[in-house]
Amino acid sequence: MSKTIDNLLASRHWIAHIDDERNIGNSIIVTLEKGWDFEDEQGCGVRGFDTVAEAKAGTSRHKVVQRVIHIKMARAI
C-alpha cells in the first residue's frame, strides 16, 4: 500500500480497511468500521474509488455518518 493510503487509514478512525486493487484493474476499496456509513448512501459501508485523491475526499468526516442504534428496553413490572 502507498504511504498516502497508510496515512489515510491511520488518521480516520471510521475506516476499517483499505484494499488497493488497482494493480489488477479494480479500484481502491474502502470498508468503514461497523456503525459507519457513507453519508449519501445510508446502510452502505463499502465503496470503491478510482484514485487516492477520490478516496481521501470520499472518506472525509463530512462524507461519512455514524449510525445511531436505538435499543428498545423492556419495562419491568
N, C-alpha and C. Protein backbone atom coordinates (compact mmCIF):
# COMPACT_ATOMS: atom_id res chain seq x y z
N MET A 1 0.84 -1.18 0.00
CA MET A 1 0.00 0.00 0.00
C MET A 1 0.89 1.24 0.00
N SER A 2 0.36 2.34 -0.54
CA SER A 2 1.14 3.57 -0.60
C SER A 2 1.16 4.26 0.77
N LYS A 3 2.12 5.11 0.95
CA LYS A 3 2.23 5.85 2.21
C LYS A 3 0.98 6.71 2.44
N THR A 4 0.45 7.29 1.37
CA THR A 4 -0.76 8.12 1.48
C THR A 4 -1.94 7.30 1.97
N ILE A 5 -2.11 6.10 1.45
CA ILE A 5 -3.21 5.23 1.88
C ILE A 5 -3.00 4.81 3.33
N ASP A 6 -1.77 4.49 3.70
CA ASP A 6 -1.47 4.14 5.09
C ASP A 6 -1.81 5.29 6.03
N ASN A 7 -1.46 6.51 5.62
CA ASN A 7 -1.77 7.69 6.44
C ASN A 7 -3.28 7.92 6.56
N LEU A 8 -3.98 7.69 5.48
CA LEU A 8 -5.44 7.83 5.48
C LEU A 8 -6.06 6.84 6.47
N LEU A 9 -5.63 5.62 6.42
CA LEU A 9 -6.13 4.59 7.33
C LEU A 9 -5.81 4.93 8.78
N ALA A 10 -4.63 5.43 9.03
CA ALA A 10 -4.22 5.75 10.40
C ALA A 10 -4.92 6.99 10.96
N SER A 11 -5.31 7.91 10.11
CA SER A 11 -5.86 9.17 10.58
C SER A 11 -7.38 9.22 10.63
N ARG A 12 -8.05 8.22 10.09
CA ARG A 12 -9.52 8.24 10.05
C ARG A 12 -10.05 6.99 10.75
N HIS A 13 -10.43 7.15 12.01
CA HIS A 13 -10.82 6.01 12.82
C HIS A 13 -12.07 5.31 12.32
N TRP A 14 -12.81 5.92 11.44
CA TRP A 14 -14.03 5.31 10.89
C TRP A 14 -13.72 4.37 9.71
N ILE A 15 -12.48 4.32 9.27
CA ILE A 15 -12.09 3.41 8.20
C ILE A 15 -11.52 2.14 8.82
N ALA A 16 -12.12 0.99 8.46
CA ALA A 16 -11.66 -0.30 8.98
C ALA A 16 -10.54 -0.88 8.11
N HIS A 17 -10.68 -0.72 6.79
CA HIS A 17 -9.75 -1.39 5.88
C HIS A 17 -9.72 -0.68 4.54
N ILE A 18 -8.56 -0.64 3.93
CA ILE A 18 -8.41 -0.14 2.56
C ILE A 18 -7.67 -1.19 1.77
N ASP A 19 -8.26 -1.60 0.67
CA ASP A 19 -7.65 -2.61 -0.20
C ASP A 19 -7.42 -1.98 -1.57
N ASP A 20 -6.16 -1.75 -1.90
CA ASP A 20 -5.81 -1.15 -3.20
C ASP A 20 -5.69 -2.26 -4.25
N GLU A 21 -6.71 -2.37 -5.07
CA GLU A 21 -6.76 -3.41 -6.11
C GLU A 21 -6.52 -2.85 -7.51
N ARG A 22 -5.93 -1.67 -7.58
CA ARG A 22 -5.71 -1.05 -8.90
C ARG A 22 -4.75 -1.84 -9.76
N ASN A 23 -3.84 -2.58 -9.14
CA ASN A 23 -2.87 -3.35 -9.92
C ASN A 23 -3.51 -4.52 -10.67
N ILE A 24 -4.75 -4.88 -10.32
CA ILE A 24 -5.46 -5.94 -11.05
C ILE A 24 -6.67 -5.37 -11.80
N GLY A 25 -6.66 -4.05 -11.99
CA GLY A 25 -7.70 -3.41 -12.79
C GLY A 25 -8.96 -3.02 -12.04
N ASN A 26 -8.93 -3.12 -10.72
CA ASN A 26 -10.09 -2.74 -9.92
C ASN A 26 -9.86 -1.37 -9.28
N SER A 27 -10.56 -1.10 -8.21
CA SER A 27 -10.50 0.19 -7.53
C SER A 27 -9.77 0.08 -6.20
N ILE A 28 -9.71 1.21 -5.53
CA ILE A 28 -9.29 1.24 -4.12
C ILE A 28 -10.58 1.00 -3.34
N ILE A 29 -10.66 -0.12 -2.63
CA ILE A 29 -11.87 -0.48 -1.90
C ILE A 29 -11.73 -0.05 -0.45
N VAL A 30 -12.64 0.80 0.01
CA VAL A 30 -12.62 1.28 1.38
C VAL A 30 -13.80 0.67 2.14
N THR A 31 -13.49 0.07 3.28
CA THR A 31 -14.51 -0.50 4.16
C THR A 31 -14.52 0.31 5.44
N LEU A 32 -15.70 0.82 5.80
CA LEU A 32 -15.83 1.60 7.02
C LEU A 32 -16.02 0.68 8.22
N GLU A 33 -15.68 1.20 9.40
CA GLU A 33 -15.89 0.45 10.64
C GLU A 33 -17.38 0.17 10.82
N LYS A 34 -17.68 -0.85 11.58
CA LYS A 34 -19.07 -1.18 11.88
C LYS A 34 -19.73 0.03 12.55
N GLY A 35 -20.94 0.36 12.09
CA GLY A 35 -21.65 1.50 12.63
C GLY A 35 -21.45 2.79 11.85
N TRP A 36 -20.64 2.75 10.80
CA TRP A 36 -20.40 3.92 9.96
C TRP A 36 -20.91 3.64 8.55
N ASP A 37 -21.49 4.67 7.91
CA ASP A 37 -21.99 4.58 6.54
C ASP A 37 -21.51 5.79 5.74
N PHE A 38 -21.56 5.65 4.43
CA PHE A 38 -21.31 6.81 3.58
C PHE A 38 -22.56 7.70 3.63
N GLU A 39 -22.36 8.98 3.78
CA GLU A 39 -23.43 9.94 4.02
C GLU A 39 -24.49 9.92 2.92
N ASP A 40 -24.09 9.76 1.69
CA ASP A 40 -25.04 9.81 0.58
C ASP A 40 -25.69 8.46 0.27
N GLU A 41 -25.34 7.44 1.04
CA GLU A 41 -25.91 6.11 0.82
C GLU A 41 -25.97 5.37 2.15
N GLN A 42 -26.94 5.77 2.98
CA GLN A 42 -27.10 5.17 4.30
C GLN A 42 -27.24 3.66 4.17
N GLY A 43 -26.59 2.93 5.05
CA GLY A 43 -26.60 1.48 5.00
C GLY A 43 -25.45 0.90 4.21
N CYS A 44 -24.66 1.76 3.58
CA CYS A 44 -23.53 1.32 2.77
C CYS A 44 -22.22 1.68 3.46
N GLY A 45 -21.40 0.68 3.75
CA GLY A 45 -20.13 0.91 4.41
C GLY A 45 -18.92 0.49 3.60
N VAL A 46 -19.15 0.17 2.31
CA VAL A 46 -18.05 -0.22 1.43
C VAL A 46 -18.19 0.54 0.12
N ARG A 47 -17.07 1.08 -0.35
CA ARG A 47 -17.13 1.86 -1.60
C ARG A 47 -15.80 1.76 -2.32
N GLY A 48 -15.85 1.79 -3.65
CA GLY A 48 -14.65 1.80 -4.47
C GLY A 48 -14.34 3.19 -4.99
N PHE A 49 -13.06 3.51 -5.06
CA PHE A 49 -12.60 4.81 -5.57
C PHE A 49 -11.51 4.55 -6.60
N ASP A 50 -11.48 5.38 -7.65
CA ASP A 50 -10.51 5.19 -8.72
C ASP A 50 -9.12 5.73 -8.38
N THR A 51 -9.05 6.75 -7.54
CA THR A 51 -7.76 7.36 -7.20
C THR A 51 -7.65 7.57 -5.69
N VAL A 52 -6.45 7.78 -5.23
CA VAL A 52 -6.22 8.07 -3.81
C VAL A 52 -6.88 9.39 -3.45
N ALA A 53 -6.83 10.37 -4.34
CA ALA A 53 -7.46 11.67 -4.07
C ALA A 53 -8.97 11.51 -3.87
N GLU A 54 -9.60 10.66 -4.71
CA GLU A 54 -11.04 10.41 -4.56
C GLU A 54 -11.33 9.69 -3.24
N ALA A 55 -10.49 8.73 -2.87
CA ALA A 55 -10.67 8.01 -1.61
C ALA A 55 -10.52 8.96 -0.43
N LYS A 56 -9.57 9.86 -0.51
CA LYS A 56 -9.36 10.84 0.56
C LYS A 56 -10.58 11.76 0.69
N ALA A 57 -11.05 12.27 -0.43
CA ALA A 57 -12.21 13.18 -0.41
C ALA A 57 -13.48 12.44 0.00
N GLY A 58 -13.65 11.22 -0.49
CA GLY A 58 -14.88 10.46 -0.26
C GLY A 58 -15.01 9.86 1.12
N THR A 59 -13.92 9.91 1.90
CA THR A 59 -13.97 9.36 3.26
C THR A 59 -13.72 10.43 4.32
N SER A 60 -13.80 11.69 3.90
CA SER A 60 -13.62 12.77 4.88
C SER A 60 -14.77 12.73 5.88
N ARG A 61 -14.60 13.39 7.00
CA ARG A 61 -15.58 13.32 8.10
C ARG A 61 -16.98 13.75 7.67
N HIS A 62 -17.09 14.72 6.76
CA HIS A 62 -18.43 15.15 6.34
C HIS A 62 -19.04 14.25 5.27
N LYS A 63 -18.29 13.24 4.81
CA LYS A 63 -18.81 12.29 3.81
C LYS A 63 -19.24 10.96 4.42
N VAL A 64 -19.05 10.81 5.74
CA VAL A 64 -19.46 9.59 6.44
C VAL A 64 -20.32 9.97 7.64
N VAL A 65 -21.17 9.05 8.05
CA VAL A 65 -22.02 9.29 9.22
C VAL A 65 -21.97 8.07 10.12
N GLN A 66 -22.08 8.34 11.41
CA GLN A 66 -22.13 7.24 12.37
C GLN A 66 -23.59 6.91 12.62
N ARG A 67 -23.91 5.63 12.45
CA ARG A 67 -25.28 5.18 12.65
C ARG A 67 -25.64 5.25 14.13
N VAL A 68 -26.88 5.64 14.38
CA VAL A 68 -27.40 5.65 15.73
C VAL A 68 -28.21 4.37 15.91
N ILE A 69 -27.87 3.62 16.92
CA ILE A 69 -28.58 2.37 17.18
C ILE A 69 -29.55 2.60 18.32
N HIS A 70 -30.81 2.34 18.04
CA HIS A 70 -31.85 2.51 19.05
C HIS A 70 -32.10 1.16 19.71
N ILE A 71 -32.06 1.17 21.02
CA ILE A 71 -32.30 -0.05 21.78
C ILE A 71 -33.62 0.11 22.53
N LYS A 72 -34.50 -0.81 22.28
CA LYS A 72 -35.79 -0.78 22.96
C LYS A 72 -35.66 -1.60 24.25
N MET A 73 -35.94 -0.96 25.35
CA MET A 73 -35.81 -1.62 26.65
C MET A 73 -37.17 -2.07 27.14
N ALA A 74 -37.23 -3.25 27.69
CA ALA A 74 -38.47 -3.74 28.28
C ALA A 74 -38.66 -3.09 29.65
N ARG A 75 -39.87 -2.79 29.94
CA ARG A 75 -40.18 -2.15 31.23
C ARG A 75 -40.50 -3.21 32.27
N ALA A 76 -39.83 -3.16 33.38
CA ALA A 76 -40.09 -4.13 34.46
C ALA A 76 -41.36 -3.77 35.20
N ILE A 77 -42.12 -4.78 35.56
CA ILE A 77 -43.39 -4.55 36.29
C ILE A 77 -43.19 -4.87 37.75
